[in-house]
Amino acid sequence: MKAVGIVVEYNPFHNGHLYHLEQTKQKTGADCVIAVMSGNFLQRGEPAIVSKWARTAMALSAGVDIVIELPYVFAVQSAERFASGAVTLLDAIKCSELCFGSEHGEIAPFLQTVYALQKRKNEYDTSIRQAIKKGLSYPQALSEAWKQLRIDGIDLTKPNNILGFSYVKAIVEQQRAIVPQTIPRIASGYHEESFTHSSIASATSVRKALSGSLEKLETIAPYVPSYTKEALANYCSTYGTFHEWERYFSLLKYRLLTAERSELEQIASIEEGIEYRLIEAIAEANTFSEFLHAVKTKRYTWTRLQRACTHLLTNFLKQANGIETPTYIRLLGMNENGKRYLKKVKKTLSLPLVTTVSQLRDDYIYAQEKKAVAAYTAIFPEPLRTKAIKEEYATPPLYWRTC
């Protein structure tokens, strides 16, 4: 069986994701689609709107055959580390191709760009360092270095192009046998905050339309499949809320106002004295948005600050940030086709396939996952909080029976 991998967050699953999934199947002719999905916290330093289990159910409903988890250690990271962890896991589970959406829509320029930058790596790295010294953020420094090298290729100012470039770069640098593929992103931009199309919208605009309230669920109905709408309704009915940063603000405020500066310095992404700005701003801020606007500068981007705040909530230390490669494949869900695939390849996997977390008792990467679960569920009142924490340890991989 031929397997294709996709890297997803599904926050939440919408019609654009469905288009990508269907086009991936058509383009690759794969027998099995495997999604590596971020857990409860996401690449840009945000809590997922609903849990990993609810989003896994959305993926399986849509026709994904297998869902595996991208651990927190790799999920809440820069595009490069995010992609590196995802590619390693997809290779470990024997995917022969990886298909991603991009603004560019053709794969040749991605490969061309990666190989060109490999040849000029020293020059590229020097340009990045010089741009950062000028006070530019890391993403801005990448863009500046790209312009200086004047390499014909892809536009690395576009968010999906950046992720796609990172996937291809990881495949090449890790010398994986995975063949990269891409399909063009349609209709809406990655960060677009409003609806501009009759049926396709960004996840950002879907979340903004919901505004954390079940009462506004009908407003997103044209942009999401019925099973997404149902999953969102069930989750909010069970737990009384969706997850968004404002719900965690009081926890973050407590964390910052009670921590010693020496303690903050040990947290991943807390660098260059940024802890002083965080402590000063948190004392005056009434909301998370107000807080980040007070701290944000050209150098400290919104995304970088959100990641730092997420690492504060989860107590993710710099020493753990040096972990280079995943140590296990955690299965979150599968359908009958996925079960057949796993039965065929299970003995050849290069990492252990984990179906119960008791197998990970002494694993350092999973130890951080437990902290992330504790932080993610902290906004719930009891006994819902304990119920949600138990789900992490007691929930077996979801099994979808197809008709």
Protein backbone atom coordinates (compact mmCIF):
# COMPACT_ATOMS: atom_id res chain seq x y z
CA MET A 1 0.00 0.00 0.00
CA LYS A 2 1.28 3.45 -0.95
CA ALA A 3 0.98 6.07 1.81
CA VAL A 4 1.04 9.86 1.49
CA GLY A 5 1.63 12.11 4.46
CA ILE A 6 0.07 15.47 5.25
CA VAL A 7 0.96 17.85 8.09
CA VAL A 8 -2.09 19.40 9.74
CA GLU A 9 -3.53 21.29 12.68
CA TYR A 10 -7.23 21.32 11.70
CA ASN A 11 -8.05 24.24 13.96
CA PRO A 12 -10.81 23.49 13.06
CA PHE A 13 -11.21 21.30 9.96
CA HIS A 14 -12.85 23.36 7.18
CA ASN A 15 -13.72 23.11 3.49
CA GLY A 16 -10.26 24.25 2.43
CA HIS A 17 -8.77 21.33 4.36
CA LEU A 18 -11.23 19.00 2.65
CA TYR A 19 -10.14 20.35 -0.74
CA HIS A 20 -6.48 19.73 0.17
CA LEU A 21 -7.27 16.18 1.31
CA GLU A 22 -9.21 15.33 -1.85
CA GLN A 23 -6.57 16.88 -4.12
CA THR A 24 -3.82 15.01 -2.26
CA LYS A 25 -5.55 11.68 -2.94
CA GLN A 26 -6.08 12.60 -6.59
CA LYS A 27 -2.56 13.92 -7.19
CA THR A 28 -0.65 11.08 -5.51
CA GLY A 29 -2.95 8.12 -6.10
CA ALA A 30 -2.06 6.95 -2.61
CA ASP A 31 -3.85 4.03 -0.98
CA CYS A 32 -3.57 5.56 2.49
CA VAL A 33 -3.48 9.15 3.79
CA ILE A 34 -1.59 9.70 7.06
CA ALA A 35 -1.93 13.01 8.89
CA VAL A 36 0.62 14.08 11.46
CA MET A 37 -1.31 16.56 13.61
CA SER A 38 -0.27 19.00 16.33
CA GLY A 39 -1.62 18.17 19.77
CA ASN A 40 -3.39 20.64 22.04
CA PHE A 41 -1.06 23.59 21.35
CA LEU A 42 -0.17 24.74 17.85
CA GLN A 43 2.77 25.99 15.81
CA ARG A 44 1.98 29.69 16.24
CA GLY A 45 1.78 29.35 20.02
CA GLU A 46 -2.01 29.06 20.33
CA PRO A 47 -4.26 26.59 22.14
CA ALA A 48 -6.24 24.50 19.67
CA ILE A 49 -9.91 25.50 19.62
CA VAL A 50 -10.86 21.94 20.68
CA SER A 51 -8.83 18.96 21.87
CA LYS A 52 -6.67 16.67 19.77
CA TRP A 53 -9.34 13.95 20.10
CA ALA A 54 -12.10 16.16 18.70
CA ARG A 55 -9.87 17.23 15.80
CA THR A 56 -8.84 13.62 15.15
CA ALA A 57 -12.53 12.74 14.83
CA MET A 58 -12.93 15.55 12.28
CA ALA A 59 -9.99 14.20 10.26
CA LEU A 60 -11.28 10.63 10.25
CA SER A 61 -14.77 11.82 9.30
CA ALA A 62 -13.23 13.63 6.33
CA GLY A 63 -11.45 10.51 5.05
CA VAL A 64 -7.99 10.67 6.58
CA ASP A 65 -6.94 7.05 7.20
CA ILE A 66 -4.46 7.48 10.06
CA VAL A 67 -3.83 10.37 12.47
CA ILE A 68 -0.60 10.50 14.49
CA GLU A 69 0.46 13.20 16.93
CA LEU A 70 3.22 15.75 16.45
CA PRO A 71 4.52 16.10 20.03
CA TYR A 72 4.55 19.49 21.74
CA VAL A 73 8.36 19.54 21.61
CA PHE A 74 8.12 19.90 17.81
CA ALA A 75 4.63 21.37 17.37
CA VAL A 76 5.10 24.70 19.18
CA GLN A 77 8.22 25.72 17.28
CA SER A 78 9.56 27.65 14.33
CA ALA A 79 8.62 26.37 10.89
CA GLU A 80 11.98 24.63 10.55
CA ARG A 81 11.72 22.54 13.75
CA PHE A 82 8.00 21.95 13.22
CA ALA A 83 8.70 20.57 9.74
CA SER A 84 11.70 18.53 10.86
CA GLY A 85 9.67 16.67 13.50
CA ALA A 86 6.75 16.10 11.12
CA VAL A 87 8.95 14.77 8.30
CA THR A 88 10.76 12.41 10.67
CA LEU A 89 7.46 10.92 11.85
CA LEU A 90 6.03 10.55 8.33
CA ASP A 91 9.21 8.82 7.22
CA ALA A 92 9.10 6.56 10.29
CA ILE A 93 5.57 5.44 9.42
CA LYS A 94 6.67 4.70 5.86
CA CYS A 95 5.07 7.49 3.83
CA SER A 96 6.50 7.58 0.32
CA GLU A 97 5.18 11.10 -0.42
CA LEU A 98 4.29 14.30 1.44
CA CYS A 99 1.73 16.68 -0.02
CA PHE A 100 1.30 20.22 1.28
CA GLY A 101 -0.70 23.25 0.25
CA SER A 102 1.17 26.36 -0.86
CA GLU A 103 0.59 29.74 -2.39
CA HIS A 104 2.98 28.82 -5.22
CA GLY A 105 1.36 25.50 -6.11
CA GLU A 106 4.26 23.85 -8.01
CA ILE A 107 6.94 21.66 -6.43
CA ALA A 108 9.92 22.30 -8.74
CA PRO A 109 10.65 25.83 -7.41
CA PHE A 110 10.66 24.51 -3.82
CA LEU A 111 13.34 21.96 -4.67
CA GLN A 112 15.23 24.55 -6.70
CA THR A 113 15.20 26.96 -3.77
CA VAL A 114 16.37 24.37 -1.24
CA TYR A 115 19.29 23.23 -3.40
CA ALA A 116 20.27 26.81 -4.25
CA LEU A 117 20.35 27.81 -0.59
CA GLN A 118 22.37 24.71 0.28
CA LYS A 119 25.07 25.87 -2.13
CA ARG A 120 25.06 29.36 -0.56
CA LYS A 121 24.40 28.34 3.04
CA ASN A 122 27.23 30.38 4.61
CA GLU A 123 26.20 33.50 2.71
CA TYR A 124 22.55 32.93 3.61
CA ASP A 125 23.29 32.40 7.33
CA THR A 126 25.48 35.51 7.42
CA SER A 127 22.71 37.60 5.85
CA ILE A 128 20.24 36.34 8.45
CA ARG A 129 22.55 37.20 11.35
CA GLN A 130 23.17 40.68 9.96
CA ALA A 131 19.45 41.31 9.53
CA ILE A 132 18.73 40.20 13.12
CA LYS A 133 21.46 42.55 14.39
CA LYS A 134 19.58 45.36 12.65
CA GLY A 135 16.59 44.59 14.84
CA LEU A 136 14.52 42.57 12.37
CA SER A 137 12.47 39.62 13.57
CA TYR A 138 13.58 36.15 12.48
CA PRO A 139 10.89 35.85 9.74
CA GLN A 140 11.80 39.33 8.49
CA ALA A 141 15.49 38.38 8.56
CA LEU A 142 14.77 35.32 6.42
CA SER A 143 12.91 37.46 3.91
CA GLU A 144 15.70 40.05 3.87
CA ALA A 145 18.38 37.38 3.34
CA TRP A 146 16.31 35.87 0.56
CA LYS A 147 16.11 39.19 -1.26
CA GLN A 148 19.84 39.77 -0.94
CA LEU A 149 20.72 36.40 -2.47
CA ARG A 150 18.37 37.06 -5.43
CA ILE A 151 17.65 33.39 -6.04
CA ASP A 152 14.86 32.64 -8.49
CA GLY A 153 12.40 30.40 -6.71
CA ILE A 154 9.44 30.75 -4.36
CA ASP A 155 8.16 33.73 -2.42
CA LEU A 156 9.25 33.05 1.16
CA THR A 157 7.14 35.88 2.56
CA LYS A 158 4.01 33.69 2.16
CA PRO A 159 3.14 31.52 5.21
CA ASN A 160 2.29 28.28 3.38
CA ASN A 161 5.30 28.67 1.11
CA ILE A 162 7.49 29.01 4.22
CA LEU A 163 6.09 25.80 5.70
CA GLY A 164 6.36 24.00 2.36
CA PHE A 165 9.96 25.13 1.96
CA SER A 166 10.66 23.83 5.47
CA TYR A 167 9.16 20.41 4.65
CA VAL A 168 11.24 20.10 1.48
CA LYS A 169 14.35 21.32 3.28
CA ALA A 170 13.83 18.72 6.04
CA ILE A 171 13.38 15.95 3.46
CA VAL A 172 16.59 16.93 1.65
CA GLU A 173 18.70 17.51 4.77
CA GLN A 174 17.52 14.31 6.47
CA GLN A 175 18.03 12.42 3.19
CA ARG A 176 14.56 10.93 3.37
CA ALA A 177 13.12 8.88 0.52
CA ILE A 178 9.88 10.90 0.71
CA VAL A 179 8.83 12.62 -2.52
CA PRO A 180 7.42 16.12 -1.86
CA GLN A 181 4.29 17.29 -3.68
CA THR A 182 2.24 20.48 -3.45
CA ILE A 183 -1.16 21.76 -4.47
CA PRO A 184 -2.16 25.43 -4.72
CA ARG A 185 -4.01 27.00 -1.82
CA ILE A 186 -7.32 28.39 -3.04
CA ALA A 187 -9.66 31.29 -2.27
CA SER A 188 -8.51 32.54 1.15
CA GLY A 189 -5.19 33.58 2.67
CA TYR A 190 -3.68 31.80 5.66
CA HIS A 191 -4.14 34.78 7.99
CA GLU A 192 -7.32 36.17 6.42
CA GLU A 193 -9.70 37.21 9.22
CA SER A 194 -12.95 37.65 7.30
CA PHE A 195 -15.06 35.62 4.88
CA THR A 196 -14.39 36.57 1.26
CA HIS A 197 -15.60 33.41 -0.51
CA SER A 198 -18.92 31.59 -0.52
CA SER A 199 -17.56 28.29 0.86
CA ILE A 200 -13.78 28.52 1.48
CA ALA A 201 -12.35 30.36 4.48
CA SER A 202 -9.18 30.32 6.54
CA ALA A 203 -9.16 28.65 9.96
CA THR A 204 -8.35 32.10 11.38
CA SER A 205 -11.56 33.61 9.99
CA VAL A 206 -13.61 30.61 11.16
CA ARG A 207 -12.30 30.97 14.73
CA LYS A 208 -12.83 34.72 14.68
CA ALA A 209 -16.43 34.28 13.50
CA LEU A 210 -17.07 31.87 16.36
CA SER A 211 -15.59 34.29 18.89
CA GLY A 212 -15.41 31.47 21.40
CA SER A 213 -19.20 31.09 21.48
CA LEU A 214 -21.46 28.20 20.51
CA GLU A 215 -24.19 30.74 19.74
CA LYS A 216 -22.34 31.81 16.58
CA LEU A 217 -21.91 28.29 15.21
CA GLU A 218 -24.36 28.90 12.35
CA THR A 219 -22.19 31.70 10.98
CA ILE A 220 -19.46 29.22 10.02
CA ALA A 221 -21.82 26.58 8.56
CA PRO A 222 -21.07 27.44 4.88
CA TYR A 223 -17.32 27.04 5.47
CA VAL A 224 -17.05 23.75 7.37
CA PRO A 225 -18.35 20.20 6.81
CA SER A 226 -21.32 19.13 8.92
CA TYR A 227 -19.15 16.82 11.03
CA THR A 228 -16.92 19.74 12.05
CA LYS A 229 -19.94 21.74 13.12
CA GLU A 230 -21.25 18.75 15.06
CA ALA A 231 -17.87 18.11 16.73
CA LEU A 232 -17.57 21.75 17.78
CA ALA A 233 -21.10 21.75 19.20
CA ASN A 234 -20.51 18.52 21.14
CA TYR A 235 -17.22 19.73 22.57
CA CYS A 236 -18.55 23.09 23.70
CA SER A 237 -21.66 21.43 25.18
CA THR A 238 -19.45 19.04 27.15
CA TYR A 239 -16.79 21.46 28.37
CA GLY A 240 -18.65 24.76 28.26
CA THR A 241 -16.09 26.61 26.15
CA PHE A 242 -13.77 26.66 23.19
CA HIS A 243 -10.07 27.23 23.79
CA GLU A 244 -8.57 30.65 23.03
CA TRP A 245 -5.78 32.67 24.58
CA GLU A 246 -8.06 35.03 26.51
CA ARG A 247 -9.29 32.06 28.56
CA TYR A 248 -5.71 31.44 29.72
CA PHE A 249 -4.80 35.05 30.47
CA SER A 250 -5.34 34.88 34.25
CA LEU A 251 -3.13 31.77 34.41
CA LEU A 252 -0.41 33.51 32.43
CA LYS A 253 -0.66 36.60 34.61
CA TYR A 254 -0.29 34.53 37.78
CA ARG A 255 2.66 32.67 36.26
CA LEU A 256 4.55 35.82 35.33
CA LEU A 257 3.83 37.78 38.50
CA THR A 258 4.93 34.96 40.84
CA ALA A 259 8.01 33.69 38.97
CA GLU A 260 11.58 34.73 39.73
CA ARG A 261 13.47 36.25 36.83
CA SER A 262 16.03 33.43 37.02
CA GLU A 263 13.18 30.97 36.60
CA LEU A 264 11.82 32.77 33.55
CA GLU A 265 15.27 32.76 31.93
CA GLN A 266 15.14 28.96 31.79
CA ILE A 267 11.95 28.91 29.70
CA ALA A 268 12.28 28.26 25.96
CA SER A 269 11.93 31.41 23.80
CA ILE A 270 12.58 33.73 26.77
CA GLU A 271 15.70 35.45 25.47
CA GLU A 272 17.44 38.80 25.10
CA GLY A 273 15.89 40.17 28.29
CA ILE A 274 12.34 39.82 27.00
CA GLU A 275 11.25 38.71 30.48
CA TYR A 276 11.53 42.34 31.67
CA ARG A 277 9.04 43.49 29.02
CA LEU A 278 6.70 40.61 29.84
CA ILE A 279 6.66 41.31 33.58
CA GLU A 280 6.23 45.05 33.10
CA ALA A 281 3.38 44.69 30.61
CA ILE A 282 1.46 41.92 32.41
CA ALA A 283 1.00 44.04 35.54
CA GLU A 284 -0.98 46.63 33.60
CA ALA A 285 -2.81 44.50 31.03
CA ASN A 286 -6.45 43.46 31.40
CA THR A 287 -6.59 41.08 28.43
CA PHE A 288 -4.18 38.84 26.53
CA SER A 289 -4.56 40.96 23.40
CA GLU A 290 -3.79 44.13 25.34
CA PHE A 291 -0.77 42.42 26.89
CA LEU A 292 0.71 41.27 23.59
CA HIS A 293 0.16 44.65 21.95
CA ALA A 294 2.12 46.23 24.80
CA VAL A 295 5.05 43.80 24.41
CA LYS A 296 5.14 43.44 20.63
CA THR A 297 7.90 45.19 18.69
CA LYS A 298 9.39 44.78 15.23
CA ARG A 299 11.79 42.26 16.74
CA TYR A 300 9.34 40.49 19.06
CA THR A 301 6.59 39.33 16.70
CA TRP A 302 3.12 38.26 17.82
CA THR A 303 3.87 34.62 16.98
CA ARG A 304 7.18 34.61 18.83
CA LEU A 305 5.52 36.10 21.91
CA GLN A 306 2.63 33.62 21.77
CA ARG A 307 5.10 30.75 21.69
CA ALA A 308 6.96 32.19 24.66
CA CYS A 309 3.68 32.52 26.58
CA THR A 310 2.70 28.96 25.71
CA HIS A 311 6.08 27.71 26.94
CA LEU A 312 5.52 29.65 30.16
CA LEU A 313 2.17 27.92 30.70
CA THR A 314 3.61 24.48 29.99
CA ASN A 315 6.96 25.08 31.75
CA PHE A 316 8.86 24.12 28.60
CA LEU A 317 12.54 24.61 29.39
CA LYS A 318 15.41 25.53 27.08
CA GLN A 319 17.17 22.26 27.85
CA ALA A 320 14.19 20.35 26.39
CA ASN A 321 14.19 22.64 23.36
CA GLY A 322 17.38 20.95 22.16
CA ILE A 323 15.67 17.63 21.42
CA GLU A 324 16.34 16.90 17.77
CA THR A 325 14.17 13.94 16.81
CA PRO A 326 10.95 12.17 17.87
CA THR A 327 11.26 8.95 19.87
CA TYR A 328 7.85 7.41 19.16
CA ILE A 329 4.81 7.46 16.86
CA ARG A 330 1.64 8.09 18.85
CA LEU A 331 -1.48 6.83 17.11
CA LEU A 332 -4.50 9.08 17.70
CA GLY A 333 -6.94 7.45 15.30
CA MET A 334 -7.47 5.28 12.23
CA ASN A 335 -10.16 3.84 10.00
CA GLU A 336 -10.40 0.33 8.57
CA ASN A 337 -8.07 1.19 5.70
CA GLY A 338 -5.55 2.70 8.11
CA LYS A 339 -5.73 -0.43 10.26
CA ARG A 340 -4.89 -2.58 7.23
CA TYR A 341 -1.96 -0.34 6.39
CA LEU A 342 -0.53 -0.45 9.92
CA LYS A 343 -0.87 -4.22 10.03
CA LYS A 344 1.22 -4.41 6.86
CA VAL A 345 4.03 -2.03 7.90
CA LYS A 346 4.08 -2.34 11.70
CA LYS A 347 7.13 -4.63 11.86
CA THR A 348 9.20 -2.33 9.63
CA LEU A 349 8.61 0.98 11.44
CA SER A 350 11.74 2.79 12.56
CA LEU A 351 10.08 4.17 15.71
CA PRO A 352 7.78 2.37 18.17
CA LEU A 353 4.07 2.72 17.44
CA VAL A 354 2.36 3.82 20.66
CA THR A 355 -1.32 3.11 21.29
CA THR A 356 -1.32 3.63 25.06
CA VAL A 357 0.71 6.20 26.98
CA SER A 358 1.72 3.62 29.58
CA GLN A 359 4.32 2.68 26.96
CA LEU A 360 5.84 6.17 27.40
CA ARG A 361 6.28 6.23 31.17
CA ASP A 362 9.98 7.19 31.00
CA ASP A 363 9.99 9.13 27.72
CA TYR A 364 11.26 12.71 28.03
CA ILE A 365 9.27 13.99 25.06
CA TYR A 366 6.05 12.60 26.47
CA ALA A 367 6.81 14.11 29.88
CA GLN A 368 6.41 17.51 28.19
CA GLU A 369 3.18 16.34 26.59
CA LYS A 370 1.75 15.70 30.06
CA LYS A 371 2.58 19.28 31.06
CA ALA A 372 0.86 20.55 27.92
CA VAL A 373 -2.29 18.57 28.77
CA ALA A 374 -2.28 19.96 32.33
CA ALA A 375 -2.01 23.51 30.98
CA TYR A 376 -4.60 23.00 28.21
CA THR A 377 -7.23 21.67 30.61
CA ALA A 378 -6.53 24.24 33.36
CA ILE A 379 -9.35 26.53 32.20
CA PHE A 380 -11.99 23.91 33.04
CA PRO A 381 -13.80 23.78 36.39
CA GLU A 382 -13.81 20.53 38.31
CA PRO A 383 -14.76 17.79 37.72
CA LEU A 384 -14.42 18.58 33.99
CA ARG A 385 -10.72 19.32 34.36
CA THR A 386 -9.98 15.92 35.86
CA LYS A 387 -12.19 14.27 33.22
CA ALA A 388 -10.23 15.97 30.41
CA ILE A 389 -6.86 15.05 31.93
CA LYS A 390 -7.96 11.43 32.23
CA GLU A 391 -8.88 11.44 28.53
CA GLU A 392 -5.20 11.92 27.72
CA TYR A 393 -4.23 8.73 29.52
CA ALA A 394 -7.34 6.58 29.07
CA THR A 395 -8.47 7.30 25.49
CA PRO A 396 -7.44 4.57 23.04
CA PRO A 397 -6.85 5.49 19.40
CA LEU A 398 -10.16 6.43 17.79
CA TYR A 399 -11.41 3.81 15.34
CA TRP A 400 -13.65 4.89 12.47
CA ARG A 401 -15.69 2.22 10.75
CA THR A 402 -16.37 3.21 7.17
CA CYS A 403 -19.56 2.21 5.37
